[in-house]
Amino acid sequence: MAEYDLNELQKIRENKEVLEYLEEHGIIEIKKFNDIYDYEKELYDLQVKLLKLQYEIIEKGKRVLIIFEGRDAAGKGGTIGRIIEHLNPKKVRVVALPKPTEEESGQWYFQRYIKHLPNAGEIVIFDRSWYNRAVVEPVFGFCSKEQHELFMNQVPEFEKQLVDDGIILIKLFLSISKEEQAERLKERKDDILKRWKIGTLDQQAQEKWDVYSGYIEDLFKQTGTKKAPWLEISKDNKKKARLASFKLIINAIVGNEQEKPDTFITKYD
């Protein structure tokens, strides 16, 4: 999954003659090369830190639940891919549930998610979660106003119970600008290898931008609590957003007091 081999980048970086030759012949730009190297090096270091934390999670039987929400095309999938890339696959799960079945539609809304909560020693990542009912469902009319309001009232207490029971709950929201979203959606449409990423709802993300914004604002106001704060990453740069996600997850797991948000919704630019 790695975009570049860090060891090979290191060899090139240490050989100034090779670097100068590549730049002179227009093969690479030194600044761009250094940016790539710095990113891959920092990413590698963060992956090592997270892997070491996973050893501790397994040994001590901790339970970690990471929720990824965000705008369409904000980079959730790529970020999750880098997070799990070098973790022990037996102790990490990515949950991306499809739309509810007829049976599930008749259940308590949280019921189908509960069965996927982490066991002792596990990290579970929700690639979209119960928060579909906070934004996507009301935007497209997939739930009633009453169902949406009931969810917004219930979710803070539901998450409080999870945290009180010992689950480390980390809620990340990836934001991008409207212009960047339009560019990424176009790139997916034009690239045959990425076209599968575009769903029917993604195609309406731009025209419903303002409607989304209203529900997202309510999401932060009503469901960001002291025990389960939202951490919003506002970056149009995918690589910087990935690094920020790693840092927030690591700090949340180790309980770094200095990095805890002062407010219940913290934006990381």
Protein backbone atom coordinates (compact mmCIF):
# COMPACT_ATOMS: atom_id res chain seq x y z
CA MET A 1 0.00 0.00 0.00
CA ALA A 2 2.98 2.29 0.50
CA GLU A 3 3.29 4.86 -2.25
CA TYR A 4 7.09 4.97 -1.95
CA ASP A 5 9.80 2.76 -0.50
CA LEU A 6 11.28 4.74 2.39
CA ASN A 7 14.59 2.88 2.25
CA GLU A 8 15.03 3.70 -1.42
CA LEU A 9 14.15 7.34 -0.77
CA GLN A 10 16.73 7.41 2.02
CA LYS A 11 19.44 6.09 -0.29
CA ILE A 12 18.68 8.74 -2.90
CA ARG A 13 18.53 11.49 -0.29
CA GLU A 14 21.97 10.56 1.08
CA ASN A 15 23.56 10.53 -2.38
CA LYS A 16 23.83 14.19 -3.36
CA GLU A 17 25.37 13.38 -6.73
CA VAL A 18 22.38 11.26 -7.70
CA LEU A 19 20.00 13.98 -6.54
CA GLU A 20 21.80 16.63 -8.54
CA TYR A 21 21.83 14.41 -11.63
CA LEU A 22 18.10 13.69 -11.36
CA GLU A 23 17.31 17.39 -10.94
CA GLU A 24 19.58 18.49 -13.78
CA HIS A 25 17.86 16.09 -16.16
CA GLY A 26 14.38 17.18 -15.08
CA ILE A 27 13.55 13.83 -13.54
CA ILE A 28 12.70 15.21 -10.10
CA GLU A 29 12.48 18.50 -8.24
CA ILE A 30 14.55 18.56 -5.04
CA LYS A 31 11.85 20.34 -3.04
CA LYS A 32 9.15 17.91 -4.17
CA PHE A 33 11.44 14.97 -3.43
CA ASN A 34 12.19 16.30 0.07
CA ASP A 35 8.49 16.83 0.73
CA ILE A 36 7.78 13.23 -0.27
CA TYR A 37 10.62 11.92 1.87
CA ASP A 38 9.60 13.97 4.92
CA TYR A 39 6.02 12.75 4.62
CA GLU A 40 6.96 9.08 4.22
CA LYS A 41 9.45 9.30 7.10
CA GLU A 42 6.95 10.91 9.47
CA LEU A 43 4.25 8.47 8.38
CA TYR A 44 6.58 5.53 9.03
CA ASP A 45 7.46 6.83 12.50
CA LEU A 46 3.77 7.26 13.35
CA GLN A 47 2.95 3.78 12.07
CA VAL A 48 5.66 2.36 14.33
CA LYS A 49 4.24 4.26 17.32
CA LEU A 50 0.74 3.00 16.61
CA LEU A 51 1.96 -0.58 16.20
CA LYS A 52 3.72 -0.39 19.58
CA LEU A 53 0.50 0.94 21.09
CA GLN A 54 -1.36 -2.00 19.57
CA TYR A 55 0.96 -4.39 21.44
CA GLU A 56 -0.04 -2.65 24.67
CA ILE A 57 -3.74 -2.70 23.72
CA ILE A 58 -3.54 -6.45 23.13
CA GLU A 59 -1.51 -7.13 26.28
CA LYS A 60 -3.74 -5.08 28.57
CA GLY A 61 -7.03 -6.03 26.92
CA LYS A 62 -7.97 -2.46 26.04
CA ARG A 63 -10.82 -1.71 23.66
CA VAL A 64 -10.44 1.06 21.10
CA LEU A 65 -13.19 2.35 18.84
CA ILE A 66 -12.29 4.89 16.16
CA ILE A 67 -15.09 6.60 14.24
CA PHE A 68 -14.28 8.21 10.91
CA GLU A 69 -16.83 10.63 9.53
CA GLY A 70 -16.49 13.46 7.04
CA ARG A 71 -17.43 15.02 3.76
CA ASP A 72 -17.59 12.84 0.67
CA ALA A 73 -14.12 12.48 -0.90
CA ALA A 74 -12.44 13.85 2.24
CA GLY A 75 -9.95 10.96 2.31
CA LYS A 76 -11.40 8.63 4.93
CA GLY A 77 -10.62 5.45 3.01
CA GLY A 78 -7.01 6.34 2.26
CA THR A 79 -6.39 7.43 5.84
CA ILE A 80 -7.87 4.24 7.26
CA GLY A 81 -5.78 2.21 4.84
CA ARG A 82 -2.56 3.80 6.09
CA ILE A 83 -3.63 3.35 9.73
CA ILE A 84 -4.17 -0.39 9.47
CA GLU A 85 -1.35 -1.00 6.97
CA HIS A 86 1.15 -2.42 9.46
CA LEU A 87 -1.09 -3.35 12.39
CA ASN A 88 -1.72 -6.94 13.46
CA PRO A 89 -4.71 -7.81 11.22
CA LYS A 90 -6.03 -10.30 13.75
CA LYS A 91 -6.62 -7.51 16.27
CA VAL A 92 -7.94 -4.69 14.09
CA ARG A 93 -11.23 -4.56 12.20
CA VAL A 94 -12.66 -2.04 9.75
CA VAL A 95 -16.45 -1.87 9.80
CA ALA A 96 -18.27 -0.28 6.86
CA LEU A 97 -21.88 -1.35 7.06
CA PRO A 98 -24.21 -1.27 4.03
CA LYS A 99 -27.69 0.18 4.25
CA PRO A 100 -29.89 -1.60 6.84
CA THR A 101 -31.74 -4.75 5.88
CA GLU A 102 -35.50 -4.94 6.34
CA GLU A 103 -34.95 -6.76 9.64
CA GLU A 104 -32.41 -4.20 10.86
CA SER A 105 -34.73 -1.34 9.95
CA GLY A 106 -37.15 -2.66 12.56
CA GLN A 107 -34.51 -2.74 15.31
CA TRP A 108 -33.29 -0.10 17.73
CA TYR A 109 -31.07 2.07 15.55
CA PHE A 110 -27.83 1.33 17.44
CA GLN A 111 -28.45 -2.42 17.56
CA ARG A 112 -26.64 -3.43 14.39
CA TYR A 113 -23.58 -1.41 15.39
CA ILE A 114 -23.33 -2.87 18.89
CA LYS A 115 -22.37 -6.31 17.59
CA HIS A 116 -19.27 -4.75 15.98
CA LEU A 117 -17.93 -3.02 19.10
CA PRO A 118 -14.34 -3.94 20.01
CA ASN A 119 -13.53 -6.98 22.13
CA ALA A 120 -10.68 -6.96 24.63
CA GLY A 121 -7.38 -6.28 22.85
CA GLU A 122 -9.04 -4.98 19.68
CA ILE A 123 -9.05 -1.81 17.62
CA VAL A 124 -12.22 -1.32 15.60
CA ILE A 125 -12.53 1.41 12.99
CA PHE A 126 -15.94 2.51 11.77
CA ASP A 127 -15.73 3.81 8.21
CA ARG A 128 -18.87 5.86 8.73
CA SER A 129 -20.95 4.87 11.70
CA TRP A 130 -24.22 5.45 13.52
CA TYR A 131 -23.69 9.10 12.59
CA ASN A 132 -25.22 8.35 9.21
CA ARG A 133 -28.45 9.25 10.99
CA ALA A 134 -27.04 12.63 11.97
CA VAL A 135 -26.12 13.80 8.46
CA VAL A 136 -26.52 11.53 5.41
CA GLU A 137 -29.94 10.10 6.27
CA PRO A 138 -31.70 13.42 6.96
CA VAL A 139 -30.01 15.09 3.98
CA PHE A 140 -31.47 12.50 1.62
CA GLY A 141 -34.70 11.81 3.47
CA PHE A 142 -33.77 8.29 4.54
CA CYS A 143 -35.15 8.91 8.02
CA SER A 144 -37.97 10.96 9.45
CA LYS A 145 -37.51 14.18 11.39
CA GLU A 146 -38.60 12.35 14.53
CA GLN A 147 -36.06 9.56 13.98
CA HIS A 148 -33.30 12.10 13.49
CA GLU A 149 -34.22 14.04 16.63
CA LEU A 150 -34.47 10.84 18.68
CA PHE A 151 -31.01 9.80 17.54
CA MET A 152 -29.49 13.19 18.37
CA ASN A 153 -30.97 12.95 21.87
CA GLN A 154 -29.87 9.36 22.45
CA VAL A 155 -26.34 9.30 21.04
CA PRO A 156 -24.60 11.37 23.77
CA GLU A 157 -25.87 9.03 26.50
CA PHE A 158 -25.13 5.95 24.37
CA GLU A 159 -21.52 7.06 23.88
CA LYS A 160 -21.20 7.99 27.56
CA GLN A 161 -22.09 4.41 28.44
CA LEU A 162 -19.44 3.08 26.06
CA VAL A 163 -16.76 5.34 27.56
CA ASP A 164 -17.87 4.61 31.13
CA ASP A 165 -17.51 0.90 30.35
CA GLY A 166 -13.87 1.44 29.39
CA ILE A 167 -13.97 1.78 25.62
CA ILE A 168 -11.51 4.35 24.25
CA LEU A 169 -13.75 6.25 21.83
CA ILE A 170 -12.12 8.50 19.23
CA LYS A 171 -14.33 10.51 16.86
CA LEU A 172 -12.61 12.05 13.83
CA PHE A 173 -14.31 14.24 11.24
CA LEU A 174 -12.44 14.97 8.00
CA SER A 175 -13.44 18.26 6.37
CA ILE A 176 -12.45 19.68 2.99
CA SER A 177 -13.41 22.79 1.04
CA LYS A 178 -16.17 22.72 -1.54
CA GLU A 179 -13.64 23.46 -4.27
CA GLU A 180 -11.36 20.60 -3.24
CA GLN A 181 -14.29 18.20 -3.05
CA ALA A 182 -15.35 19.13 -6.58
CA GLU A 183 -11.82 18.50 -7.86
CA ARG A 184 -11.54 15.12 -6.16
CA LEU A 185 -14.95 13.96 -7.38
CA LYS A 186 -14.02 14.95 -10.92
CA GLU A 187 -10.73 13.07 -10.61
CA ARG A 188 -12.60 9.96 -9.55
CA LYS A 189 -15.03 10.28 -12.43
CA ASP A 190 -12.24 10.75 -14.97
CA ASP A 191 -10.02 7.95 -13.65
CA ILE A 192 -11.36 4.50 -14.55
CA LEU A 193 -9.42 2.98 -11.64
CA LYS A 194 -11.12 5.31 -9.14
CA ARG A 195 -14.59 5.46 -10.66
CA TRP A 196 -15.83 2.72 -8.34
CA LYS A 197 -15.43 5.15 -5.42
CA ILE A 198 -18.28 7.33 -6.67
CA GLY A 199 -21.66 6.31 -5.29
CA THR A 200 -25.04 7.72 -6.18
CA LEU A 201 -25.00 9.97 -3.10
CA ASP A 202 -21.48 11.25 -3.80
CA GLN A 203 -22.70 12.71 -7.08
CA GLN A 204 -25.07 15.00 -5.15
CA ALA A 205 -22.50 16.11 -2.57
CA GLN A 206 -21.84 19.40 -4.33
CA GLU A 207 -25.43 20.45 -4.97
CA LYS A 208 -26.40 19.59 -1.38
CA TRP A 209 -23.29 21.19 0.13
CA ASP A 210 -25.17 23.80 2.18
CA VAL A 211 -27.70 21.25 3.44
CA TYR A 212 -24.84 19.02 4.55
CA SER A 213 -23.21 22.00 6.27
CA GLY A 214 -26.29 22.67 8.40
CA TYR A 215 -26.50 19.09 9.65
CA ILE A 216 -22.73 18.92 10.24
CA GLU A 217 -22.92 22.06 12.39
CA ASP A 218 -25.72 20.47 14.44
CA LEU A 219 -23.66 17.28 14.68
CA PHE A 220 -20.80 19.11 16.37
CA LYS A 221 -23.04 21.15 18.65
CA GLN A 222 -25.26 18.34 19.88
CA THR A 223 -23.03 15.25 19.88
CA GLY A 224 -19.63 16.62 20.86
CA THR A 225 -19.39 15.98 24.59
CA LYS A 226 -16.69 16.08 27.24
CA LYS A 227 -16.47 12.30 27.26
CA ALA A 228 -16.74 11.91 23.48
CA PRO A 229 -15.48 15.09 21.75
CA TRP A 230 -15.29 15.56 18.01
CA LEU A 231 -11.85 16.13 16.52
CA GLU A 232 -12.24 17.88 13.18
CA ILE A 233 -9.35 17.79 10.72
CA SER A 234 -9.71 20.61 8.24
CA LYS A 235 -7.14 20.05 5.50
CA ASP A 236 -7.34 20.00 1.72
CA ASN A 237 -3.97 18.22 1.71
CA LYS A 238 -4.57 14.47 2.01
CA LYS A 239 -1.12 13.69 3.36
CA LYS A 240 -1.29 16.30 6.11
CA ALA A 241 -4.76 15.06 7.04
CA ARG A 242 -3.44 11.51 7.35
CA LEU A 243 -0.58 12.58 9.60
CA ALA A 244 -2.96 14.64 11.75
CA SER A 245 -5.27 11.62 12.09
CA PHE A 246 -2.41 9.42 13.28
CA LYS A 247 -1.31 11.98 15.86
CA LEU A 248 -4.82 12.45 17.26
CA ILE A 249 -5.41 8.71 17.50
CA ILE A 250 -2.07 8.08 19.22
CA ASN A 251 -2.60 10.94 21.68
CA ALA A 252 -6.12 9.76 22.47
CA ILE A 253 -4.98 6.19 23.16
CA VAL A 254 -2.10 7.20 25.43
CA GLY A 255 -4.28 9.81 27.14
CA ASN A 256 -1.96 12.73 26.45
CA GLU A 257 -3.41 15.47 28.64
CA GLN A 258 -1.60 18.23 26.73
CA GLU A 259 -3.26 17.22 23.48
CA LYS A 260 -6.79 16.86 24.81
CA PRO A 261 -9.15 19.48 23.36
CA ASP A 262 -10.16 22.41 25.52
CA THR A 263 -13.56 22.42 23.84
CA PHE A 264 -15.73 19.55 22.77
CA ILE A 265 -15.11 20.26 19.08
CA THR A 266 -11.53 20.98 18.15
CA LYS A 267 -10.48 21.92 14.62
CA TYR A 268 -7.01 20.92 13.46
CA ASP A 269 -5.83 23.04 10.54
